[in-house]
Protein backbone atom coordinates (compact mmCIF):
# COMPACT_ATOMS: atom_id res chain seq x y z
CA MET A 1 12.30 35.20 -35.83
CA SER A 2 9.20 36.00 -33.89
CA ASP A 3 8.91 38.09 -30.75
CA ASP A 4 6.44 35.65 -29.24
CA LYS A 5 8.37 34.75 -26.06
CA LYS A 6 6.73 32.53 -23.50
CA PRO A 7 7.78 32.77 -19.86
CA TYR A 8 9.90 29.84 -18.75
CA THR A 9 7.96 27.38 -16.63
CA ARG A 10 9.72 24.75 -14.63
CA PRO A 11 8.41 21.22 -15.21
CA LYS A 12 6.60 19.45 -12.38
CA ILE A 13 8.85 16.71 -11.01
CA PRO A 14 7.32 13.64 -9.33
CA ASP A 15 8.09 12.83 -5.70
CA GLY A 16 11.27 10.84 -5.13
CA HIS A 17 11.09 7.88 -2.78
CA ALA A 18 14.08 6.11 -1.24
CA PHE A 19 14.65 4.10 1.93
CA HIS A 20 13.15 6.26 4.74
CA VAL A 21 13.37 9.45 2.62
CA THR A 22 10.88 11.29 0.43
CA THR A 23 11.91 14.30 -1.64
CA ARG A 24 9.31 16.58 -3.19
CA GLN A 25 9.49 19.77 -5.20
CA LYS A 26 8.34 22.97 -3.50
CA GLU A 27 5.64 25.14 -5.02
CA ILE A 28 6.71 27.45 -7.84
CA THR A 29 6.39 31.14 -6.98
CA PRO A 30 6.53 33.71 -9.77
CA GLY A 31 9.72 35.73 -9.96
CA GLN A 32 11.77 33.24 -7.98
CA PHE A 33 14.81 31.77 -9.71
CA PHE A 34 15.36 28.66 -7.58
CA VAL A 35 12.38 26.43 -6.74
CA GLY A 36 13.93 24.14 -4.16
CA TYR A 37 13.03 20.79 -2.71
CA GLU A 38 11.89 19.59 0.69
CA THR A 39 13.21 16.37 2.22
CA ILE A 40 10.99 14.34 4.54
CA TRP A 41 12.75 11.76 6.73
CA GLU A 42 10.88 8.84 8.23
CA PRO A 43 12.07 7.67 11.66
CA HIS A 44 14.57 4.81 11.64
CA GLN A 45 13.95 3.68 15.22
CA LYS A 46 10.92 3.40 17.44
CA GLU A 47 10.88 5.44 20.63
CA VAL A 48 9.67 3.56 23.70
CA PRO A 49 8.79 5.37 26.94
CA TYR A 50 11.16 4.69 29.82
CA THR A 51 10.01 2.43 32.63
CA THR A 52 12.01 1.88 35.82
CA PRO A 53 13.38 -1.63 36.16
CA LYS A 54 12.04 -4.03 38.79
CA LYS A 55 13.80 -4.03 42.14
CA PRO A 56 15.10 -7.42 43.34
């Protein structure tokens, strides 16, 4: 056995794309056990500014 130990490096995972959702891996910081992921949601509906209706 050799004492040549390499520090564990987490593999880079590609972005995940689903319907209206994108998941991407956060940056790896040294000494941190859990890397984590960020979830980006795209809007499902369009927002329209309110206008008062016409009066009869």
